[in-house]
Amino acid sequence: MKSMYDIIIRPIITEQSMEHTDLKKYVFEVAPDANKIEIKAAVEGIFGVKVEKVTTLNMLGKEKRTGRYPAGHRKNWKKAVVKLTEDSKTIEFFEGMV
């Protein structure tokens, strides 16, 4: 059984993801085999908030050229957008980023 910290790998901090923090939407990279129920429980356990909705996306790795012929690609990963309830507190980790 995986722990909460194995499910949530890292937060995604980009301009596009920071625009939605006022709507209480936060973006995380999660384990590829994690489902929405596990992601919800992990975010609630780590940050002490109430999660309303979880949306997941499988992101395909970009193809990268390493020379003339050996074309490789970056790893595939999974992204989760977590929406908190209206009465929930915000996640303090993202407060200074905006």
PDB file of N, CA and C in Angstrom:
ATOM      1  N   MET A   1       0.837  -1.182   0.000  1.00  0.00           N
ATOM      2  CA  MET A   1       0.000   0.000   0.000  1.00  0.00           C
ATOM      3  C   MET A   1       0.884   1.248   0.000  1.00  0.00           C
ATOM      4  N   LYS A   2       0.525   2.200  -0.854  1.00  0.00           N
ATOM      5  CA  LYS A   2       1.316   3.411  -0.979  1.00  0.00           C
ATOM      6  C   LYS A   2       0.903   4.436   0.063  1.00  0.00           C
ATOM      7  N   SER A   3       1.870   5.224   0.477  1.00  0.00           N
ATOM      8  CA  SER A   3       1.564   6.294   1.422  1.00  0.00           C
ATOM      9  C   SER A   3       1.084   7.524   0.649  1.00  0.00           C
ATOM     10  N   MET A   4       0.627   8.530   1.384  1.00  0.00           N
ATOM     11  CA  MET A   4       0.141   9.764   0.764  1.00  0.00           C
ATOM     12  C   MET A   4       1.263  10.469   0.003  1.00  0.00           C
ATOM     13  N   TYR A   5       2.468  10.364   0.519  1.00  0.00           N
ATOM     14  CA  TYR A   5       3.588  11.047  -0.098  1.00  0.00           C
ATOM     15  C   TYR A   5       4.107  10.319  -1.339  1.00  0.00           C
ATOM     16  N   ASP A   6       3.723   9.060  -1.531  1.00  0.00           N
ATOM     17  CA  ASP A   6       4.050   8.360  -2.769  1.00  0.00           C
ATOM     18  C   ASP A   6       3.070   8.722  -3.873  1.00  0.00           C
ATOM     19  N   ILE A   7       1.871   9.140  -3.523  1.00  0.00           N
ATOM     20  CA  ILE A   7       0.848   9.479  -4.513  1.00  0.00           C
ATOM     21  C   ILE A   7       1.070  10.883  -5.059  1.00  0.00           C
ATOM     22  N   ILE A   8       1.270  11.865  -4.172  1.00  0.00           N
ATOM     23  CA  ILE A   8       1.526  13.241  -4.591  1.00  0.00           C
ATOM     24  C   ILE A   8       3.028  13.396  -4.789  1.00  0.00           C
ATOM     25  N   ILE A   9       3.461  13.567  -6.037  1.00  0.00           N
ATOM     26  CA  ILE A   9       4.890  13.654  -6.318  1.00  0.00           C
ATOM     27  C   ILE A   9       5.403  15.082  -6.135  1.00  0.00           C
ATOM     28  N   ARG A  10       4.755  16.061  -6.784  1.00  0.00           N
ATOM     29  CA  ARG A  10       5.191  17.454  -6.659  1.00  0.00           C
ATOM     30  C   ARG A  10       4.074  18.373  -7.117  1.00  0.00           C
ATOM     31  N   PRO A  11       4.070  19.620  -6.663  1.00  0.00           N
ATOM     32  CA  PRO A  11       3.107  20.593  -7.183  1.00  0.00           C
ATOM     33  C   PRO A  11       3.588  21.137  -8.530  1.00  0.00           C
ATOM     34  N   ILE A  12       2.659  21.501  -9.376  1.00  0.00           N
ATOM     35  CA  ILE A  12       2.983  22.104 -10.661  1.00  0.00           C
ATOM     36  C   ILE A  12       2.802  23.614 -10.501  1.00  0.00           C
ATOM     37  N   ILE A  13       3.887  24.364 -10.640  1.00  0.00           N
ATOM     38  CA  ILE A  13       3.856  25.808 -10.447  1.00  0.00           C
ATOM     39  C   ILE A  13       4.195  26.468 -11.781  1.00  0.00           C
ATOM     40  N   THR A  14       3.157  26.839 -12.518  1.00  0.00           N
ATOM     41  CA  THR A  14       3.295  27.546 -13.781  1.00  0.00           C
ATOM     42  C   THR A  14       2.354  28.738 -13.752  1.00  0.00           C
ATOM     43  N   GLU A  15       2.479  29.614 -14.733  1.00  0.00           N
ATOM     44  CA  GLU A  15       1.585  30.767 -14.795  1.00  0.00           C
ATOM     45  C   GLU A  15       0.132  30.327 -14.939  1.00  0.00           C
ATOM     46  N   GLN A  16      -0.089  29.339 -15.777  1.00  0.00           N
ATOM     47  CA  GLN A  16      -1.450  28.883 -16.016  1.00  0.00           C
ATOM     48  C   GLN A  16      -2.063  28.237 -14.776  1.00  0.00           C
ATOM     49  N   SER A  17      -1.284  27.472 -14.043  1.00  0.00           N
ATOM     50  CA  SER A  17      -1.831  26.836 -12.844  1.00  0.00           C
ATOM     51  C   SER A  17      -2.016  27.835 -11.706  1.00  0.00           C
ATOM     52  N   MET A  18      -1.200  28.897 -11.660  1.00  0.00           N
ATOM     53  CA  MET A  18      -1.330  29.892 -10.604  1.00  0.00           C
ATOM     54  C   MET A  18      -2.530  30.813 -10.811  1.00  0.00           C
ATOM     55  N   GLU A  19      -3.035  30.913 -12.035  1.00  0.00           N
ATOM     56  CA  GLU A  19      -4.216  31.736 -12.299  1.00  0.00           C
ATOM     57  C   GLU A  19      -5.457  31.191 -11.597  1.00  0.00           C
ATOM     58  N   HIS A  20      -5.480  29.900 -11.341  1.00  0.00           N
ATOM     59  CA  HIS A  20      -6.667  29.265 -10.781  1.00  0.00           C
ATOM     60  C   HIS A  20      -6.622  29.114  -9.263  1.00  0.00           C
ATOM     61  N   THR A  21      -5.602  29.655  -8.613  1.00  0.00           N
ATOM     62  CA  THR A  21      -5.538  29.526  -7.163  1.00  0.00           C
ATOM     63  C   THR A  21      -6.615  30.343  -6.465  1.00  0.00           C
ATOM     64  N   ASP A  22      -7.073  31.436  -7.083  1.00  0.00           N
ATOM     65  CA  ASP A  22      -8.157  32.204  -6.472  1.00  0.00           C
ATOM     66  C   ASP A  22      -9.485  31.451  -6.548  1.00  0.00           C
ATOM     67  N   LEU A  23      -9.607  30.492  -7.463  1.00  0.00           N
ATOM     68  CA  LEU A  23     -10.782  29.621  -7.546  1.00  0.00           C
ATOM     69  C   LEU A  23     -10.618  28.361  -6.703  1.00  0.00           C
ATOM     70  N   LYS A  24      -9.526  28.288  -5.944  1.00  0.00           N
ATOM     71  CA  LYS A  24      -9.176  27.148  -5.100  1.00  0.00           C
ATOM     72  C   LYS A  24      -8.954  25.874  -5.915  1.00  0.00           C
ATOM     73  N   LYS A  25      -8.273  26.036  -7.055  1.00  0.00           N
ATOM     74  CA  LYS A  25      -7.865  24.895  -7.871  1.00  0.00           C
ATOM     75  C   LYS A  25      -6.348  24.816  -7.834  1.00  0.00           C
ATOM     76  N   TYR A  26      -5.830  23.634  -7.527  1.00  0.00           N
ATOM     77  CA  TYR A  26      -4.396  23.425  -7.414  1.00  0.00           C
ATOM     78  C   TYR A  26      -3.999  22.231  -8.278  1.00  0.00           C
ATOM     79  N   VAL A  27      -2.790  22.295  -8.840  1.00  0.00           N
ATOM     80  CA  VAL A  27      -2.329  21.287  -9.792  1.00  0.00           C
ATOM     81  C   VAL A  27      -1.135  20.545  -9.197  1.00  0.00           C
ATOM     82  N   PHE A  28      -1.163  19.215  -9.314  1.00  0.00           N
ATOM     83  CA  PHE A  28      -0.098  18.362  -8.787  1.00  0.00           C
ATOM     84  C   PHE A  28       0.298  17.318  -9.820  1.00  0.00           C
ATOM     85  N   GLU A  29       1.563  16.911  -9.782  1.00  0.00           N
ATOM     86  CA  GLU A  29       1.976  15.703 -10.490  1.00  0.00           C
ATOM     87  C   GLU A  29       1.760  14.552  -9.529  1.00  0.00           C
ATOM     88  N   VAL A  30       1.087  13.507  -9.997  1.00  0.00           N
ATOM     89  CA  VAL A  30       0.754  12.375  -9.134  1.00  0.00           C
ATOM     90  C   VAL A  30       1.303  11.092  -9.734  1.00  0.00           C
ATOM     91  N   ALA A  31       1.251  10.034  -8.957  1.00  0.00           N
ATOM     92  CA  ALA A  31       1.714   8.730  -9.421  1.00  0.00           C
ATOM     93  C   ALA A  31       0.842   8.264 -10.584  1.00  0.00           C
ATOM     94  N   PRO A  32       1.426   7.669 -11.604  1.00  0.00           N
ATOM     95  CA  PRO A  32       0.648   7.279 -12.786  1.00  0.00           C
ATOM     96  C   PRO A  32      -0.444   6.246 -12.505  1.00  0.00           C
ATOM     97  N   ASP A  33      -0.287   5.446 -11.467  1.00  0.00           N
ATOM     98  CA  ASP A  33      -1.284   4.417 -11.178  1.00  0.00           C
ATOM     99  C   ASP A  33      -2.258   4.835 -10.076  1.00  0.00           C
ATOM    100  N   ALA A  34      -2.224   6.101  -9.657  1.00  0.00           N
ATOM    101  CA  ALA A  34      -3.128   6.582  -8.611  1.00  0.00           C
ATOM    102  C   ALA A  34      -4.488   6.930  -9.216  1.00  0.00           C
ATOM    103  N   ASN A  35      -5.559   6.610  -8.488  1.00  0.00           N
ATOM    104  CA  ASN A  35      -6.885   6.986  -8.960  1.00  0.00           C
ATOM    105  C   ASN A  35      -7.371   8.220  -8.204  1.00  0.00           C
ATOM    106  N   LYS A  36      -8.564   8.702  -8.579  1.00  0.00           N
ATOM    107  CA  LYS A  36      -9.068   9.960  -8.021  1.00  0.00           C
ATOM    108  C   LYS A  36      -9.346   9.858  -6.522  1.00  0.00           C
ATOM    109  N   ILE A  37      -9.792   8.722  -6.064  1.00  0.00           N
ATOM    110  CA  ILE A  37     -10.091   8.532  -4.643  1.00  0.00           C
ATOM    111  C   ILE A  37      -8.805   8.596  -3.822  1.00  0.00           C
ATOM    112  N   GLU A  38      -7.746   7.960  -4.310  1.00  0.00           N
ATOM    113  CA  GLU A  38      -6.464   8.005  -3.614  1.00  0.00           C
ATOM    114  C   GLU A  38      -5.874   9.414  -3.614  1.00  0.00           C
ATOM    115  N   ILE A  39      -6.021  10.125  -4.722  1.00  0.00           N
ATOM    116  CA  ILE A  39      -5.500  11.493  -4.813  1.00  0.00           C
ATOM    117  C   ILE A  39      -6.236  12.403  -3.841  1.00  0.00           C
ATOM    118  N   LYS A  40      -7.554  12.266  -3.770  1.00  0.00           N
ATOM    119  CA  LYS A  40      -8.356  13.075  -2.849  1.00  0.00           C
ATOM    120  C   LYS A  40      -7.944  12.823  -1.405  1.00  0.00           C
ATOM    121  N   ALA A  41      -7.784  11.560  -1.038  1.00  0.00           N
ATOM    122  CA  ALA A  41      -7.393  11.223   0.330  1.00  0.00           C
ATOM    123  C   ALA A  41      -5.991  11.732   0.645  1.00  0.00           C
ATOM    124  N   ALA A  42      -5.080  11.685  -0.327  1.00  0.00           N
ATOM    125  CA  ALA A  42      -3.712  12.139  -0.099  1.00  0.00           C
ATOM    126  C   ALA A  42      -3.659  13.651   0.105  1.00  0.00           C
ATOM    127  N   VAL A  43      -4.387  14.419  -0.711  1.00  0.00           N
ATOM    128  CA  VAL A  43      -4.373  15.877  -0.573  1.00  0.00           C
ATOM    129  C   VAL A  43      -5.022  16.288   0.742  1.00  0.00           C
ATOM    130  N   GLU A  44      -6.125  15.642   1.100  1.00  0.00           N
ATOM    131  CA  GLU A  44      -6.776  15.955   2.372  1.00  0.00           C
ATOM    132  C   GLU A  44      -5.886  15.598   3.556  1.00  0.00           C
ATOM    133  N   GLY A  45      -5.147  14.502   3.464  1.00  0.00           N
ATOM    134  CA  GLY A  45      -4.275  14.088   4.557  1.00  0.00           C
ATOM    135  C   GLY A  45      -3.038  14.949   4.701  1.00  0.00           C
ATOM    136  N   ILE A  46      -2.427  15.332   3.593  1.00  0.00           N
ATOM    137  CA  ILE A  46      -1.181  16.100   3.648  1.00  0.00           C
ATOM    138  C   ILE A  46      -1.441  17.553   4.033  1.00  0.00           C
ATOM    139  N   PHE A  47      -2.427  18.187   3.400  1.00  0.00           N
ATOM    140  CA  PHE A  47      -2.628  19.623   3.573  1.00  0.00           C
ATOM    141  C   PHE A  47      -3.754  19.974   4.541  1.00  0.00           C
ATOM    142  N   GLY A  48      -4.566  19.017   4.963  1.00  0.00           N
ATOM    143  CA  GLY A  48      -5.644  19.283   5.903  1.00  0.00           C
ATOM    144  C   GLY A  48      -6.753  20.149   5.342  1.00  0.00           C
ATOM    145  N   VAL A  49      -7.160  19.882   4.099  1.00  0.00           N
ATOM    146  CA  VAL A  49      -8.215  20.644   3.430  1.00  0.00           C
ATOM    147  C   VAL A  49      -9.337  19.697   3.017  1.00  0.00           C
ATOM    148  N   LYS A  50     -10.445  20.260   2.545  1.00  0.00           N
ATOM    149  CA  LYS A  50     -11.555  19.459   2.024  1.00  0.00           C
ATOM    150  C   LYS A  50     -11.566  19.563   0.505  1.00  0.00           C
ATOM    151  N   VAL A  51     -11.544  18.416  -0.170  1.00  0.00           N
ATOM    152  CA  VAL A  51     -11.501  18.374  -1.626  1.00  0.00           C
ATOM    153  C   VAL A  51     -12.910  18.151  -2.153  1.00  0.00           C
ATOM    154  N   GLU A  52     -13.300  18.988  -3.123  1.00  0.00           N
ATOM    155  CA  GLU A  52     -14.609  18.844  -3.747  1.00  0.00           C
ATOM    156  C   GLU A  52     -14.538  17.949  -4.979  1.00  0.00           C
ATOM    157  N   LYS A  53     -13.512  18.159  -5.825  1.00  0.00           N
ATOM    158  CA  LYS A  53     -13.450  17.472  -7.105  1.00  0.00           C
ATOM    159  C   LYS A  53     -12.001  17.250  -7.502  1.00  0.00           C
ATOM    160  N   VAL A  54     -11.741  16.127  -8.163  1.00  0.00           N
ATOM    161  CA  VAL A  54     -10.412  15.820  -8.686  1.00  0.00           C
ATOM    162  C   VAL A  54     -10.546  15.489 -10.167  1.00  0.00           C
ATOM    163  N   THR A  55      -9.754  16.160 -10.991  1.00  0.00           N
ATOM    164  CA  THR A  55      -9.706  15.890 -12.422  1.00  0.00           C
ATOM    165  C   THR A  55      -8.298  15.434 -12.763  1.00  0.00           C
ATOM    166  N   THR A  56      -8.171  14.340 -13.527  1.00  0.00           N
ATOM    167  CA  THR A  56      -6.849  13.822 -13.861  1.00  0.00           C
ATOM    168  C   THR A  56      -6.633  13.841 -15.365  1.00  0.00           C
ATOM    169  N   LEU A  57      -5.372  13.993 -15.756  1.00  0.00           N
ATOM    170  CA  LEU A  57      -4.973  13.978 -17.156  1.00  0.00           C
ATOM    171  C   LEU A  57      -3.700  13.159 -17.277  1.00  0.00           C
ATOM    172  N   ASN A  58      -3.632  12.303 -18.294  1.00  0.00           N
ATOM    173  CA  ASN A  58      -2.398  11.594 -18.593  1.00  0.00           C
ATOM    174  C   ASN A  58      -1.632  12.412 -19.615  1.00  0.00           C
ATOM    175  N   MET A  59      -0.460  12.884 -19.225  1.00  0.00           N
ATOM    176  CA  MET A  59       0.356  13.732 -20.075  1.00  0.00           C
ATOM    177  C   MET A  59       1.395  12.861 -20.791  1.00  0.00           C
ATOM    178  N   LEU A  60       1.410  12.925 -22.106  1.00  0.00           N
ATOM    179  CA  LEU A  60       2.371  12.162 -22.879  1.00  0.00           C
ATOM    180  C   LEU A  60       3.697  12.909 -22.923  1.00  0.00           C
ATOM    181  N   GLY A  61       4.797  12.165 -22.821  1.00  0.00           N
ATOM    182  CA  GLY A  61       6.118  12.774 -22.854  1.00  0.00           C
ATOM    183  C   GLY A  61       6.440  13.292 -24.241  1.00  0.00           C
ATOM    184  N   LYS A  62       7.111  14.431 -24.292  1.00  0.00           N
ATOM    185  CA  LYS A  62       7.471  15.033 -25.567  1.00  0.00           C
ATOM    186  C   LYS A  62       8.611  14.250 -26.219  1.00  0.00           C
ATOM    187  N   GLU A  63       8.596  14.195 -27.547  1.00  0.00           N
ATOM    188  CA  GLU A  63       9.699  13.572 -28.264  1.00  0.00           C
ATOM    189  C   GLU A  63      10.856  14.555 -28.319  1.00  0.00           C
ATOM    190  N   LYS A  64      12.026  14.091 -27.969  1.00  0.00           N
ATOM    191  CA  LYS A  64      13.211  14.936 -27.925  1.00  0.00           C
ATOM    192  C   LYS A  64      14.301  14.328 -28.791  1.00  0.00           C
ATOM    193  N   ARG A  65      15.015  15.194 -29.500  1.00  0.00           N
ATOM    194  CA  ARG A  65      16.132  14.748 -30.307  1.00  0.00           C
ATOM    195  C   ARG A  65      17.401  14.819 -29.463  1.00  0.00           C
ATOM    196  N   THR A  66      18.163  13.744 -29.476  1.00  0.00           N
ATOM    197  CA  THR A  66      19.424  13.733 -28.745  1.00  0.00           C
ATOM    198  C   THR A  66      20.612  13.741 -29.692  1.00  0.00           C
ATOM    199  N   GLY A  67      20.367  13.824 -30.947  1.00  0.00           N
ATOM    200  CA  GLY A  67      21.412  13.809 -31.956  1.00  0.00           C
ATOM    201  C   GLY A  67      20.732  13.643 -33.297  1.00  0.00           C
ATOM    202  N   ARG A  68      21.389  12.988 -34.208  1.00  0.00           N
ATOM    203  CA  ARG A  68      20.798  12.852 -35.536  1.00  0.00           C
ATOM    204  C   ARG A  68      19.729  11.773 -35.569  1.00  0.00           C
ATOM    205  N   TYR A  69      20.031  10.558 -35.132  1.00  0.00           N
ATOM    206  CA  TYR A  69      19.079   9.471 -35.266  1.00  0.00           C
ATOM    207  C   TYR A  69      18.426   9.015 -33.974  1.00  0.00           C
ATOM    208  N   PRO A  70      19.121   8.962 -32.864  1.00  0.00           N
ATOM    209  CA  PRO A  70      18.467   8.346 -31.701  1.00  0.00           C
ATOM    210  C   PRO A  70      17.440   9.280 -31.048  1.00  0.00           C
ATOM    211  N   ALA A  71      16.264   9.363 -31.648  1.00  0.00           N
ATOM    212  CA  ALA A  71      15.210  10.212 -31.083  1.00  0.00           C
ATOM    213  C   ALA A  71      14.630   9.508 -29.864  1.00  0.00           C
ATOM    214  N   GLY A  72      14.550  10.213 -28.765  1.00  0.00           N
ATOM    215  CA  GLY A  72      13.985   9.664 -27.547  1.00  0.00           C
ATOM    216  C   GLY A  72      12.760  10.463 -27.155  1.00  0.00           C
ATOM    217  N   HIS A  73      12.263  10.213 -25.970  1.00  0.00           N
ATOM    218  CA  HIS A  73      11.148  11.019 -25.482  1.00  0.00           C
ATOM    219  C   HIS A  73      11.189  11.079 -23.962  1.00  0.00           C
ATOM    220  N   ARG A  74      10.581  12.139 -23.443  1.00  0.00           N
ATOM    221  CA  ARG A  74      10.493  12.297 -21.996  1.00  0.00           C
ATOM    222  C   ARG A  74       9.483  11.309 -21.452  1.00  0.00           C
ATOM    223  N   LYS A  75       9.482  11.131 -20.150  1.00  0.00           N
ATOM    224  CA  LYS A  75       8.587  10.150 -19.554  1.00  0.00           C
ATOM    225  C   LYS A  75       7.139  10.644 -19.564  1.00  0.00           C
ATOM    226  N   ASN A  76       6.202   9.724 -19.629  1.00  0.00           N
ATOM    227  CA  ASN A  76       4.789  10.036 -19.486  1.00  0.00           C
ATOM    228  C   ASN A  76       4.501  10.256 -18.007  1.00  0.00           C
ATOM    229  N   TRP A  77       3.571  11.167 -17.701  1.00  0.00           N
ATOM    230  CA  TRP A  77       3.250  11.448 -16.304  1.00  0.00           C
ATOM    231  C   TRP A  77       1.780  11.788 -16.181  1.00  0.00           C
ATOM    232  N   LYS A  78       1.314  11.850 -14.959  1.00  0.00           N
ATOM    233  CA  LYS A  78      -0.096  12.100 -14.693  1.00  0.00           C
ATOM    234  C   LYS A  78      -0.242  13.386 -13.896  1.00  0.00           C
ATOM    235  N   LYS A  79      -1.201  14.213 -14.331  1.00  0.00           N
ATOM    236  CA  LYS A  79      -1.458  15.499 -13.691  1.00  0.00           C
ATOM    237  C   LYS A  79      -2.841  15.457 -13.057  1.00  0.00           C
ATOM    238  N   ALA A  80      -2.975  16.037 -11.874  1.00  0.00           N
ATOM    239  CA  ALA A  80      -4.261  16.103 -11.186  1.00  0.00           C
ATOM    240  C   ALA A  80      -4.573  17.553 -10.845  1.00  0.00           C
ATOM    241  N   VAL A  81      -5.797  17.983 -11.186  1.00  0.00           N
ATOM    242  CA  VAL A  81      -6.287  19.303 -10.808  1.00  0.00           C
ATOM    243  C   VAL A  81      -7.279  19.085  -9.675  1.00  0.00           C
ATOM    244  N   VAL A  82      -6.983  19.667  -8.513  1.00  0.00           N
ATOM    245  CA  VAL A  82      -7.779  19.452  -7.307  1.00  0.00           C
ATOM    246  C   VAL A  82      -8.539  20.732  -6.994  1.00  0.00           C
ATOM    247  N   LYS A  83      -9.857  20.638  -6.902  1.00  0.00           N
ATOM    248  CA  LYS A  83     -10.694  21.787  -6.532  1.00  0.00           C
ATOM    249  C   LYS A  83     -11.160  21.604  -5.100  1.00  0.00           C
ATOM    250  N   LEU A  84     -10.917  22.633  -4.281  1.00  0.00           N
ATOM    251  CA  LEU A  84     -11.309  22.581  -2.880  1.00  0.00           C
ATOM    252  C   LEU A  84     -12.725  23.123  -2.706  1.00  0.00           C
ATOM    253  N   THR A  85     -13.364  22.757  -1.599  1.00  0.00           N
ATOM    254  CA  THR A  85     -14.700  23.266  -1.305  1.00  0.00           C
ATOM    255  C   THR A  85     -14.621  24.741  -0.921  1.00  0.00           C
ATOM    256  N   GLU A  86     -15.760  25.416  -0.954  1.00  0.00           N
ATOM    257  CA  GLU A  86     -15.800  26.848  -0.653  1.00  0.00           C
ATOM    258  C   GLU A  86     -15.429  27.146   0.798  1.00  0.00           C
ATOM    259  N   ASP A  87     -15.828  26.263   1.732  1.00  0.00           N
ATOM    260  CA  ASP A  87     -15.545  26.509   3.143  1.00  0.00           C
ATOM    261  C   ASP A  87     -14.183  25.991   3.581  1.00  0.00           C
ATOM    262  N   SER A  88     -13.421  25.406   2.666  1.00  0.00           N
ATOM    263  CA  SER A  88     -12.106  24.872   3.002  1.00  0.00           C
ATOM    264  C   SER A  88     -11.071  25.986   3.026  1.00  0.00           C
ATOM    265  N   LYS A  89     -10.027  25.790   3.822  1.00  0.00           N
ATOM    266  CA  LYS A  89      -8.931  26.754   3.827  1.00  0.00           C
ATOM    267  C   LYS A  89      -8.073  26.533   2.586  1.00  0.00           C
ATOM    268  N   THR A  90      -7.247  27.509   2.261  1.00  0.00           N
ATOM    269  CA  THR A  90      -6.367  27.386   1.103  1.00  0.00           C
ATOM    270  C   THR A  90      -5.110  26.609   1.485  1.00  0.00           C
ATOM    271  N   ILE A  91      -4.372  26.191   0.483  1.00  0.00           N
ATOM    272  CA  ILE A  91      -3.109  25.500   0.722  1.00  0.00           C
ATOM    273  C   ILE A  91      -2.014  26.557   0.839  1.00  0.00           C
ATOM    274  N   GLU A  92      -1.357  26.619   1.988  1.00  0.00           N
ATOM    275  CA  GLU A  92      -0.393  27.676   2.271  1.00  0.00           C
ATOM    276  C   GLU A  92       0.834  27.607   1.379  1.00  0.00           C
ATOM    277  N   PHE A  93       1.126  26.441   0.847  1.00  0.00           N
ATOM    278  CA  PHE A  93       2.308  26.266   0.009  1.00  0.00           C
ATOM    279  C   PHE A  93       2.240  27.174  -1.225  1.00  0.00           C
ATOM    280  N   PHE A  94       1.034  27.400  -1.758  1.00  0.00           N
ATOM    281  CA  PHE A  94       0.877  28.177  -2.972  1.00  0.00           C
ATOM    282  C   PHE A  94       0.676  29.670  -2.704  1.00  0.00           C
ATOM    283  N   GLU A  95       0.603  30.094  -1.465  1.00  0.00           N
ATOM    284  CA  GLU A  95       0.279  31.486  -1.137  1.00  0.00           C
ATOM    285  C   GLU A  95       1.327  32.466  -1.636  1.00  0.00           C
ATOM    286  N   GLY A  96       2.600  32.201  -1.450  1.00  0.00           N
ATOM    287  CA  GLY A  96       3.636  33.135  -1.843  1.00  0.00           C
ATOM    288  C   GLY A  96       3.973  33.111  -3.309  1.00  0.00           C
ATOM    289  N   MET A  97       3.382  32.193  -4.061  1.00  0.00           N
ATOM    290  CA  MET A  97       3.739  32.039  -5.470  1.00  0.00           C
ATOM    291  C   MET A  97       2.985  32.994  -6.379  1.00  0.00           C
ATOM    292  N   VAL A  98       1.862  33.491  -5.931  1.00  0.00           N
ATOM    293  CA  VAL A  98       1.012  34.321  -6.807  1.00  0.00           C
ATOM    294  C   VAL A  98       1.536  35.723  -6.878  1.00  0.00           C
TER     295      VAL A  98
END
